[in-house]
Protein backbone atom coordinates (compact mmCIF):
# COMPACT_ATOMS: atom_id res chain seq x y z
CA UNK A 1 103.37 81.98 91.78
CA UNK A 2 105.36 83.96 94.33
CA UNK A 3 107.18 87.17 93.50
CA UNK A 4 110.78 87.41 94.69
CA UNK A 5 112.86 90.58 95.08
CA UNK A 6 116.50 90.66 93.95
CA UNK A 7 119.23 93.27 94.16
CA UNK A 8 122.82 93.55 92.92
CA UNK A 9 125.67 92.38 95.15
CA UNK A 10 127.94 95.15 93.84
CA UNK A 11 126.13 98.35 92.80
CA UNK A 12 129.16 99.58 90.83
CA UNK A 13 128.98 96.62 88.43
CA UNK A 14 125.21 96.67 87.83
CA UNK A 15 122.64 98.16 85.49
CA UNK A 16 119.74 100.47 86.37
CA UNK A 17 117.41 97.48 86.77
CA UNK A 18 119.37 95.61 89.44
CA UNK A 19 121.11 98.58 91.12
CA UNK A 20 118.08 99.26 93.34
CA UNK A 21 116.01 96.11 93.24
CA UNK A 22 113.78 94.21 90.83
CA UNK A 23 111.05 91.60 91.12
CA UNK A 24 110.91 88.20 89.45
CA UNK A 25 107.90 85.88 89.35
CA UNK A 26 109.14 82.30 89.80
CA UNK A 27 107.78 78.92 90.77
CA UNK A 28 108.59 77.83 94.32
CA UNK A 29 110.68 74.92 93.07
CA UNK A 30 112.84 77.04 90.75
CA UNK A 31 116.34 77.93 91.97
CA UNK A 32 117.04 81.53 92.94
CA UNK A 33 118.51 83.80 90.27
CA UNK A 34 122.25 84.32 90.51
CA UNK A 35 122.66 86.79 87.61
CA UNK A 36 120.70 89.84 86.45
CA UNK A 37 118.72 88.97 83.29
CA UNK A 38 119.77 92.24 81.62
CA UNK A 39 123.45 92.86 82.49
CA UNK A 40 124.62 89.56 84.01
CA UNK A 41 125.74 91.11 87.32
CA UNK A 42 125.66 88.92 90.44
CA UNK A 43 122.37 89.30 92.36
CA UNK A 44 121.01 88.08 95.70
CA UNK A 45 117.45 87.36 96.79
CA UNK A 46 116.20 89.84 99.39
CA UNK A 47 114.01 88.59 102.24
CA UNK A 48 110.66 90.42 102.25
CA UNK A 49 107.90 90.53 104.86
CA UNK A 50 104.94 88.36 103.99
CA UNK A 51 101.59 89.92 103.20
CA UNK A 52 99.14 88.52 105.71
CA UNK A 53 95.98 90.33 104.69
CA UNK A 54 93.65 92.38 106.80
CA UNK A 55 93.62 92.88 110.54
CA UNK A 56 90.98 91.53 112.90
CA UNK A 57 89.87 95.10 113.69
CA UNK A 58 89.17 95.74 110.02
CA UNK A 59 87.18 92.49 109.84
CA UNK A 60 84.99 93.57 112.79
CA UNK A 61 84.42 97.00 111.21
CA UNK A 62 83.35 95.45 107.90
CA UNK A 63 80.99 93.02 109.70
CA UNK A 64 79.37 95.89 111.62
CA UNK A 65 78.97 97.90 108.42
CA UNK A 66 77.27 94.91 106.77
CA UNK A 67 74.78 94.61 109.65
CA UNK A 68 76.28 91.64 111.51
CA UNK A 69 77.03 91.41 115.22
CA UNK A 70 80.40 90.23 116.52
CA UNK A 71 80.57 88.41 119.84
CA UNK A 72 83.46 88.24 122.27
CA UNK A 73 83.96 85.56 124.91
CA UNK A 74 83.36 86.77 128.49
CA UNK A 75 83.81 83.50 130.34
CA UNK A 76 83.35 79.79 129.78
CA UNK A 77 80.27 79.50 127.53
CA UNK A 78 79.25 83.17 127.90
CA UNK A 79 79.50 85.75 125.15
CA UNK A 80 78.50 89.39 124.75
CA UNK A 81 78.29 91.74 121.78
CA UNK A 82 81.66 93.23 120.92
CA UNK A 83 80.14 96.44 119.53
């Protein structure tokens, strides 16, 4: 299930939990929270950057460390070792 981040619309009318931000684990089909579960203040869902995993460079480094060879394409049908 995805984790969503929420924060208070009005910091003056919020508790310590929602004043900064808090996370809520919800199903994708569930509606977004509109109130803080602790104090009842109005909250909004904050857009967060997605976690995409590791970079291609890290993948090549791990392959080399494991003893594999990575190939890169030089031209049509021709490859050479990348490292």
